[in-house]
Full PDB file with SEQRES, HELIX, SHEET, SSBOND, CRYST1, ORIGX, SCALE, CONECT and MASTER records, all heavy atoms in Angstrom:
SEQRES   1 A   30  TYR ALA MET GLY TRP PHE ARG GLN ALA PRO GLY LYS GLU          
SEQRES   2 A   30  ARG GLU PHE VAL ALA ALA ILE SER GLY SER GLY GLY SER          
SEQRES   3 A   30  THR TYR TYR ALA                                              
SHEET    1 AA1 3 MET A   3  ARG A   7  0                                        
SHEET    2 AA1 3 GLU A  15  ILE A  20 -1                                        
SHEET    3 AA1 3 THR A  27  TYR A  29 -1                                        
CRYST1    1.000    1.000    1.000  90.00  90.00  90.00 P 1           1          
ORIGX1      1.000000  0.000000  0.000000        0.00000                         
ORIGX2      0.000000  1.000000  0.000000        0.00000                         
ORIGX3      0.000000  0.000000  1.000000        0.00000                         
SCALE1      1.000000  0.000000  0.000000        0.00000                         
SCALE2      0.000000  1.000000  0.000000        0.00000                         
SCALE3      0.000000  0.000000  1.000000        0.00000                         
ATOM      1  N   TYR A   1     -41.049 -34.415  32.744  1.00  0.00           N  
ATOM      2  CA  TYR A   1     -41.787 -33.754  31.674  1.00  0.00           C  
ATOM      3  C   TYR A   1     -42.861 -32.832  32.211  1.00  0.00           C  
ATOM      4  O   TYR A   1     -43.665 -33.225  33.053  1.00  0.00           O  
ATOM      5  CB  TYR A   1     -42.455 -34.789  30.765  1.00  0.00           C  
ATOM      6  CG  TYR A   1     -41.510 -35.654  29.981  1.00  0.00           C  
ATOM      7  CD1 TYR A   1     -41.094 -36.875  30.479  1.00  0.00           C  
ATOM      8  CD2 TYR A   1     -41.057 -35.254  28.733  1.00  0.00           C  
ATOM      9  CE1 TYR A   1     -40.224 -37.684  29.754  1.00  0.00           C  
ATOM     10  CE2 TYR A   1     -40.196 -36.051  27.998  1.00  0.00           C  
ATOM     11  CZ  TYR A   1     -39.787 -37.265  28.514  1.00  0.00           C  
ATOM     12  OH  TYR A   1     -38.939 -38.066  27.791  1.00  0.00           O  
ATOM     13  N   ALA A   2     -42.889 -31.611  31.694  1.00  0.00           N  
ATOM     14  CA  ALA A   2     -44.093 -30.800  31.823  1.00  0.00           C  
ATOM     15  C   ALA A   2     -45.195 -31.450  30.997  1.00  0.00           C  
ATOM     16  O   ALA A   2     -44.929 -32.079  29.972  1.00  0.00           O  
ATOM     17  CB  ALA A   2     -43.833 -29.379  31.338  1.00  0.00           C  
ATOM     18  N   MET A   3     -46.442 -31.337  31.462  1.00  0.00           N  
ATOM     19  CA  MET A   3     -47.574 -31.943  30.766  1.00  0.00           C  
ATOM     20  C   MET A   3     -48.600 -30.868  30.427  1.00  0.00           C  
ATOM     21  O   MET A   3     -48.724 -29.865  31.142  1.00  0.00           O  
ATOM     22  CB  MET A   3     -48.227 -33.018  31.623  1.00  0.00           C  
ATOM     23  CG  MET A   3     -47.331 -34.187  31.972  1.00  0.00           C  
ATOM     24  SD  MET A   3     -46.965 -35.226  30.522  1.00  0.00           S  
ATOM     25  CE  MET A   3     -48.590 -35.897  30.173  1.00  0.00           C  
ATOM     26  N   GLY A   4     -49.338 -31.095  29.360  1.00  0.00           N  
ATOM     27  CA  GLY A   4     -50.338 -30.127  28.948  1.00  0.00           C  
ATOM     28  C   GLY A   4     -51.611 -30.796  28.469  1.00  0.00           C  
ATOM     29  O   GLY A   4     -51.609 -31.967  28.081  1.00  0.00           O  
ATOM     30  N   TRP A   5     -52.696 -30.025  28.494  1.00  0.00           N  
ATOM     31  CA  TRP A   5     -53.962 -30.421  27.890  1.00  0.00           C  
ATOM     32  C   TRP A   5     -54.291 -29.417  26.798  1.00  0.00           C  
ATOM     33  O   TRP A   5     -54.160 -28.204  26.991  1.00  0.00           O  
ATOM     34  CB  TRP A   5     -55.104 -30.455  28.905  1.00  0.00           C  
ATOM     35  CG  TRP A   5     -55.062 -31.618  29.848  1.00  0.00           C  
ATOM     36  CD1 TRP A   5     -54.540 -31.653  31.094  1.00  0.00           C  
ATOM     37  CD2 TRP A   5     -55.614 -32.920  29.602  1.00  0.00           C  
ATOM     38  NE1 TRP A   5     -54.703 -32.884  31.660  1.00  0.00           N  
ATOM     39  CE2 TRP A   5     -55.352 -33.685  30.761  1.00  0.00           C  
ATOM     40  CE3 TRP A   5     -56.270 -33.506  28.528  1.00  0.00           C  
ATOM     41  CZ2 TRP A   5     -55.752 -35.033  30.868  1.00  0.00           C  
ATOM     42  CZ3 TRP A   5     -56.659 -34.841  28.647  1.00  0.00           C  
ATOM     43  CH2 TRP A   5     -56.393 -35.581  29.797  1.00  0.00           C  
ATOM     44  N   PHE A   6     -54.712 -29.941  25.645  1.00  0.00           N  
ATOM     45  CA  PHE A   6     -55.126 -29.142  24.502  1.00  0.00           C  
ATOM     46  C   PHE A   6     -56.484 -29.642  24.035  1.00  0.00           C  
ATOM     47  O   PHE A   6     -56.903 -30.742  24.401  1.00  0.00           O  
ATOM     48  CB  PHE A   6     -54.110 -29.245  23.364  1.00  0.00           C  
ATOM     49  CG  PHE A   6     -52.745 -28.698  23.707  1.00  0.00           C  
ATOM     50  CD1 PHE A   6     -51.856 -29.429  24.485  1.00  0.00           C  
ATOM     51  CD2 PHE A   6     -52.346 -27.459  23.253  1.00  0.00           C  
ATOM     52  CE1 PHE A   6     -50.602 -28.940  24.801  1.00  0.00           C  
ATOM     53  CE2 PHE A   6     -51.101 -26.944  23.563  1.00  0.00           C  
ATOM     54  CZ  PHE A   6     -50.223 -27.680  24.330  1.00  0.00           C  
ATOM     55  N   ARG A   7     -57.171 -28.856  23.224  1.00  0.00           N  
ATOM     56  CA  ARG A   7     -58.452 -29.290  22.697  1.00  0.00           C  
ATOM     57  C   ARG A   7     -58.619 -28.816  21.266  1.00  0.00           C  
ATOM     58  O   ARG A   7     -58.015 -27.838  20.840  1.00  0.00           O  
ATOM     59  CB  ARG A   7     -59.614 -28.793  23.555  1.00  0.00           C  
ATOM     60  CG  ARG A   7     -59.807 -27.291  23.571  1.00  0.00           C  
ATOM     61  CD  ARG A   7     -60.863 -26.905  24.605  1.00  0.00           C  
ATOM     62  NE  ARG A   7     -61.128 -25.473  24.623  1.00  0.00           N  
ATOM     63  CZ  ARG A   7     -61.904 -24.876  25.518  1.00  0.00           C  
ATOM     64  NH1 ARG A   7     -62.498 -25.587  26.479  1.00  0.00           N  
ATOM     65  NH2 ARG A   7     -62.094 -23.562  25.456  1.00  0.00           N  
ATOM     66  N   GLN A   8     -59.457 -29.530  20.516  1.00  0.00           N  
ATOM     67  CA  GLN A   8     -59.687 -29.207  19.117  1.00  0.00           C  
ATOM     68  C   GLN A   8     -61.141 -29.492  18.775  1.00  0.00           C  
ATOM     69  O   GLN A   8     -61.607 -30.626  18.920  1.00  0.00           O  
ATOM     70  CB  GLN A   8     -58.760 -30.007  18.204  1.00  0.00           C  
ATOM     71  CG  GLN A   8     -58.831 -29.609  16.747  1.00  0.00           C  
ATOM     72  CD  GLN A   8     -57.697 -30.222  15.934  1.00  0.00           C  
ATOM     73  OE1 GLN A   8     -57.073 -31.194  16.341  1.00  0.00           O  
ATOM     74  NE2 GLN A   8     -57.427 -29.639  14.772  1.00  0.00           N  
ATOM     75  N   ALA A   9     -61.848 -28.469  18.325  1.00  0.00           N  
ATOM     76  CA  ALA A   9     -63.223 -28.595  17.857  1.00  0.00           C  
ATOM     77  C   ALA A   9     -63.217 -28.848  16.358  1.00  0.00           C  
ATOM     78  O   ALA A   9     -62.255 -28.518  15.661  1.00  0.00           O  
ATOM     79  CB  ALA A   9     -64.018 -27.339  18.181  1.00  0.00           C  
ATOM     80  N   PRO A  10     -64.291 -29.448  15.806  1.00  0.00           N  
ATOM     81  CA  PRO A  10     -64.341 -29.730  14.370  1.00  0.00           C  
ATOM     82  C   PRO A  10     -64.105 -28.485  13.540  1.00  0.00           C  
ATOM     83  O   PRO A  10     -64.723 -27.437  13.765  1.00  0.00           O  
ATOM     84  CB  PRO A  10     -65.758 -30.279  14.164  1.00  0.00           C  
ATOM     85  CG  PRO A  10     -66.117 -30.865  15.485  1.00  0.00           C  
ATOM     86  CD  PRO A  10     -65.482 -29.958  16.502  1.00  0.00           C  
ATOM     87  N   GLY A  11     -63.207 -28.590  12.574  1.00  0.00           N  
ATOM     88  CA  GLY A  11     -62.899 -27.479  11.696  1.00  0.00           C  
ATOM     89  C   GLY A  11     -62.051 -26.388  12.314  1.00  0.00           C  
ATOM     90  O   GLY A  11     -61.800 -25.371  11.653  1.00  0.00           O  
ATOM     91  N   LYS A  12     -61.603 -26.568  13.550  1.00  0.00           N  
ATOM     92  CA  LYS A  12     -60.801 -25.564  14.236  1.00  0.00           C  
ATOM     93  C   LYS A  12     -59.396 -26.084  14.510  1.00  0.00           C  
ATOM     94  O   LYS A  12     -59.149 -27.285  14.491  1.00  0.00           O  
ATOM     95  CB  LYS A  12     -61.453 -25.161  15.560  1.00  0.00           C  
ATOM     96  CG  LYS A  12     -62.867 -24.634  15.437  1.00  0.00           C  
ATOM     97  CD  LYS A  12     -62.911 -23.324  14.670  1.00  0.00           C  
ATOM     98  CE  LYS A  12     -64.312 -22.756  14.636  1.00  0.00           C  
ATOM     99  NZ  LYS A  12     -64.362 -21.480  13.890  1.00  0.00           N  
ATOM    100  N   GLU A  13     -58.482 -25.156  14.763  1.00  0.00           N  
ATOM    101  CA  GLU A  13     -57.121 -25.536  15.119  1.00  0.00           C  
ATOM    102  C   GLU A  13     -57.044 -25.966  16.582  1.00  0.00           C  
ATOM    103  O   GLU A  13     -57.858 -25.557  17.414  1.00  0.00           O  
ATOM    104  CB  GLU A  13     -56.166 -24.364  14.871  1.00  0.00           C  
ATOM    105  CG  GLU A  13     -55.996 -24.004  13.408  1.00  0.00           C  
ATOM    106  CD  GLU A  13     -54.947 -22.941  13.192  1.00  0.00           C  
ATOM    107  OE1 GLU A  13     -54.436 -22.382  14.184  1.00  0.00           O  
ATOM    108  OE2 GLU A  13     -54.625 -22.657  12.031  1.00  0.00           O  
ATOM    109  N   ARG A  14     -56.064 -26.793  16.876  1.00  0.00           N  
ATOM    110  CA  ARG A  14     -55.818 -27.217  18.243  1.00  0.00           C  
ATOM    111  C   ARG A  14     -55.426 -26.013  19.100  1.00  0.00           C  
ATOM    112  O   ARG A  14     -54.611 -25.197  18.683  1.00  0.00           O  
ATOM    113  CB  ARG A  14     -54.715 -28.271  18.254  1.00  0.00           C  
ATOM    114  CG  ARG A  14     -54.393 -28.876  19.608  1.00  0.00           C  
ATOM    115  CD  ARG A  14     -53.401 -30.023  19.429  1.00  0.00           C  
ATOM    116  NE  ARG A  14     -52.235 -29.595  18.666  1.00  0.00           N  
ATOM    117  CZ  ARG A  14     -51.287 -30.408  18.213  1.00  0.00           C  
ATOM    118  NH1 ARG A  14     -51.371 -31.717  18.437  1.00  0.00           N  
ATOM    119  NH2 ARG A  14     -50.264 -29.934  17.524  1.00  0.00           N  
ATOM    120  N   GLU A  15     -55.980 -25.912  20.319  1.00  0.00           N  
ATOM    121  CA  GLU A  15     -55.691 -24.785  21.189  1.00  0.00           C  
ATOM    122  C   GLU A  15     -55.272 -25.254  22.576  1.00  0.00           C  
ATOM    123  O   GLU A  15     -55.703 -26.295  23.061  1.00  0.00           O  
ATOM    124  CB  GLU A  15     -56.883 -23.831  21.288  1.00  0.00           C  
ATOM    125  CG  GLU A  15     -58.109 -24.427  21.975  1.00  0.00           C  
ATOM    126  CD  GLU A  15     -59.218 -23.402  22.171  1.00  0.00           C  
ATOM    127  OE1 GLU A  15     -59.007 -22.222  21.862  1.00  0.00           O  
ATOM    128  OE2 GLU A  15     -60.305 -23.816  22.634  1.00  0.00           O  
ATOM    129  N   PHE A  16     -54.455 -24.436  23.201  1.00  0.00           N  
ATOM    130  CA  PHE A  16     -53.966 -24.712  24.543  1.00  0.00           C  
ATOM    131  C   PHE A  16     -55.071 -24.575  25.577  1.00  0.00           C  
ATOM    132  O   PHE A  16     -55.908 -23.669  25.501  1.00  0.00           O  
ATOM    133  CB  PHE A  16     -52.823 -23.756  24.874  1.00  0.00           C  
ATOM    134  CG  PHE A  16     -52.425 -23.765  26.315  1.00  0.00           C  
ATOM    135  CD1 PHE A  16     -51.635 -24.786  26.824  1.00  0.00           C  
ATOM    136  CD2 PHE A  16     -52.836 -22.762  27.173  1.00  0.00           C  
ATOM    137  CE1 PHE A  16     -51.259 -24.795  28.155  1.00  0.00           C  
ATOM    138  CE2 PHE A  16     -52.464 -22.763  28.500  1.00  0.00           C  
ATOM    139  CZ  PHE A  16     -51.679 -23.786  28.993  1.00  0.00           C  
ATOM    140  N   VAL A  17     -55.076 -25.458  26.580  1.00  0.00           N  
ATOM    141  CA  VAL A  17     -56.029 -25.414  27.677  1.00  0.00           C  
ATOM    142  C   VAL A  17     -55.341 -25.196  29.015  1.00  0.00           C  
ATOM    143  O   VAL A  17     -55.656 -24.264  29.757  1.00  0.00           O  
ATOM    144  CB  VAL A  17     -56.891 -26.688  27.732  1.00  0.00           C  
ATOM    145  CG1 VAL A  17     -57.820 -26.663  28.949  1.00  0.00           C  
ATOM    146  CG2 VAL A  17     -57.694 -26.848  26.450  1.00  0.00           C  
ATOM    147  N   ALA A  18     -54.385 -26.064  29.358  1.00  0.00           N  
ATOM    148  CA  ALA A  18     -53.720 -25.994  30.655  1.00  0.00           C  
ATOM    149  C   ALA A  18     -52.387 -26.732  30.593  1.00  0.00           C  
ATOM    150  O   ALA A  18     -52.206 -27.639  29.785  1.00  0.00           O  
ATOM    151  CB  ALA A  18     -54.601 -26.607  31.752  1.00  0.00           C  
ATOM    152  N   ALA A  19     -51.452 -26.354  31.470  1.00  0.00           N  
ATOM    153  CA  ALA A  19     -50.162 -27.011  31.538  1.00  0.00           C  
ATOM    154  C   ALA A  19     -49.694 -27.070  32.987  1.00  0.00           C  
ATOM    155  O   ALA A  19     -50.094 -26.260  33.817  1.00  0.00           O  
ATOM    156  CB  ALA A  19     -49.126 -26.286  30.688  1.00  0.00           C  
ATOM    157  N   ILE A  20     -48.820 -28.042  33.275  1.00  0.00           N  
ATOM    158  CA  ILE A  20     -48.311 -28.231  34.626  1.00  0.00           C  
ATOM    159  C   ILE A  20     -46.854 -28.652  34.542  1.00  0.00           C  
ATOM    160  O   ILE A  20     -46.453 -29.400  33.648  1.00  0.00           O  
ATOM    161  CB  ILE A  20     -49.162 -29.283  35.381  1.00  0.00           C  
ATOM    162  CG1 ILE A  20     -48.738 -29.374  36.854  1.00  0.00           C  
ATOM    163  CG2 ILE A  20     -49.088 -30.648  34.693  1.00  0.00           C  
ATOM    164  CD1 ILE A  20     -49.729 -30.166  37.703  1.00  0.00           C  
ATOM    165  N   SER A  21     -46.035 -28.163  35.462  1.00  0.00           N  
ATOM    166  CA  SER A  21     -44.621 -28.489  35.476  1.00  0.00           C  
ATOM    167  C   SER A  21     -44.408 -29.919  35.925  1.00  0.00           C  
ATOM    168  O   SER A  21     -45.308 -30.592  36.434  1.00  0.00           O  
ATOM    169  CB  SER A  21     -43.870 -27.528  36.404  1.00  0.00           C  
ATOM    170  OG  SER A  21     -44.344 -27.650  37.735  1.00  0.00           O  
ATOM    171  N   GLY A  22     -43.181 -30.423  35.743  1.00  0.00           N  
ATOM    172  CA  GLY A  22     -42.876 -31.803  36.076  1.00  0.00           C  
ATOM    173  C   GLY A  22     -43.147 -32.161  37.525  1.00  0.00           C  
ATOM    174  O   GLY A  22     -43.645 -33.248  37.821  1.00  0.00           O  
ATOM    175  N   SER A  23     -42.840 -31.255  38.434  1.00  0.00           N  
ATOM    176  CA  SER A  23     -43.056 -31.487  39.852  1.00  0.00           C  
ATOM    177  C   SER A  23     -44.494 -31.251  40.288  1.00  0.00           C  
ATOM    178  O   SER A  23     -44.886 -31.648  41.388  1.00  0.00           O  
ATOM    179  CB  SER A  23     -42.135 -30.593  40.675  1.00  0.00           C  
ATOM    180  OG  SER A  23     -42.508 -29.237  40.536  1.00  0.00           O  
ATOM    181  N   GLY A  24     -45.273 -30.584  39.438  1.00  0.00           N  
ATOM    182  CA  GLY A  24     -46.627 -30.195  39.801  1.00  0.00           C  
ATOM    183  C   GLY A  24     -46.696 -28.868  40.530  1.00  0.00           C  
ATOM    184  O   GLY A  24     -47.788 -28.434  40.914  1.00  0.00           O  
ATOM    185  N   GLY A  25     -45.570 -28.198  40.715  1.00  0.00           N  
ATOM    186  CA  GLY A  25     -45.523 -26.979  41.478  1.00  0.00           C  
ATOM    187  C   GLY A  25     -45.997 -25.735  40.762  1.00  0.00           C  
ATOM    188  O   GLY A  25     -46.297 -24.731  41.406  1.00  0.00           O  
ATOM    189  N   SER A  26     -46.052 -25.783  39.432  1.00  0.00           N  
ATOM    190  CA  SER A  26     -46.469 -24.628  38.644  1.00  0.00           C  
ATOM    191  C   SER A  26     -47.528 -25.047  37.643  1.00  0.00           C  
ATOM    192  O   SER A  26     -47.426 -26.106  37.025  1.00  0.00           O  
ATOM    193  CB  SER A  26     -45.281 -24.026  37.897  1.00  0.00           C  
ATOM    194  OG  SER A  26     -44.299 -23.550  38.808  1.00  0.00           O  
ATOM    195  N   THR A  27     -48.545 -24.207  37.473  1.00  0.00           N  
ATOM    196  CA  THR A  27     -49.616 -24.450  36.500  1.00  0.00           C  
ATOM    197  C   THR A  27     -49.912 -23.176  35.733  1.00  0.00           C  
ATOM    198  O   THR A  27     -49.616 -22.066  36.194  1.00  0.00           O  
ATOM    199  CB  THR A  27     -50.901 -24.955  37.179  1.00  0.00           C  
ATOM    200  OG1 THR A  27     -51.348 -23.970  38.119  1.00  0.00           O  
ATOM    201  CG2 THR A  27     -50.668 -26.278  37.882  1.00  0.00           C  
ATOM    202  N   TYR A  28     -50.526 -23.349  34.562  1.00  0.00           N  
ATOM    203  CA  TYR A  28     -50.936 -22.217  33.748  1.00  0.00           C  
ATOM    204  C   TYR A  28     -52.173 -22.608  32.966  1.00  0.00           C  
ATOM    205  O   TYR A  28     -52.285 -23.742  32.499  1.00  0.00           O  
ATOM    206  CB  TYR A  28     -49.815 -21.782  32.808  1.00  0.00           C  
ATOM    207  CG  TYR A  28     -50.096 -20.471  32.120  1.00  0.00           C  
ATOM    208  CD1 TYR A  28     -49.882 -19.266  32.783  1.00  0.00           C  
ATOM    209  CD2 TYR A  28     -50.571 -20.417  30.815  1.00  0.00           C  
ATOM    210  CE1 TYR A  28     -50.150 -18.057  32.178  1.00  0.00           C  
ATOM    211  CE2 TYR A  28     -50.835 -19.208  30.201  1.00  0.00           C  
ATOM    212  CZ  TYR A  28     -50.625 -18.034  30.878  1.00  0.00           C  
ATOM    213  OH  TYR A  28     -50.883 -16.832  30.270  1.00  0.00           O  
ATOM    214  N   TYR A  29     -53.111 -21.656  32.808  1.00  0.00           N  
ATOM    215  CA  TYR A  29     -54.382 -21.929  32.162  1.00  0.00           C  
ATOM    216  C   TYR A  29     -54.692 -20.900  31.090  1.00  0.00           C  
ATOM    217  O   TYR A  29     -54.344 -19.728  31.211  1.00  0.00           O  
ATOM    218  CB  TYR A  29     -55.520 -21.909  33.184  1.00  0.00           C  
ATOM    219  CG  TYR A  29     -55.388 -22.935  34.276  1.00  0.00           C  
ATOM    220  CD1 TYR A  29     -54.745 -22.619  35.476  1.00  0.00           C  
ATOM    221  CD2 TYR A  29     -55.897 -24.208  34.118  1.00  0.00           C  
ATOM    222  CE1 TYR A  29     -54.615 -23.565  36.472  1.00  0.00           C  
ATOM    223  CE2 TYR A  29     -55.779 -25.162  35.112  1.00  0.00           C  
ATOM    224  CZ  TYR A  29     -55.135 -24.828  36.287  1.00  0.00           C  
ATOM    225  OH  TYR A  29     -55.012 -25.773  37.279  1.00  0.00           O  
ATOM    226  N   ALA A  30     -55.382 -21.350  30.054  1.00  0.00           N  
ATOM    227  CA  ALA A  30     -55.948 -20.427  29.087  1.00  0.00           C  
ATOM    228  C   ALA A  30     -57.022 -19.582  29.767  1.00  0.00           C  
ATOM    229  O   ALA A  30     -57.723 -20.046  30.670  1.00  0.00           O  
ATOM    230  CB  ALA A  30     -56.545 -21.186  27.902  1.00  0.00           C  
TER     231      ALA A  30                                                      
MASTER        0    0    0    0    3    0    0    6  230    1    0    3          
END                                                                             
């Protein structure tokens, strides 16, 4: 599984923060 981190502030929609591939070899950030 690729894994991700998201965040949500009060009254706001959930937003993307960071993601990583299953092997850990690839990452992406907001």
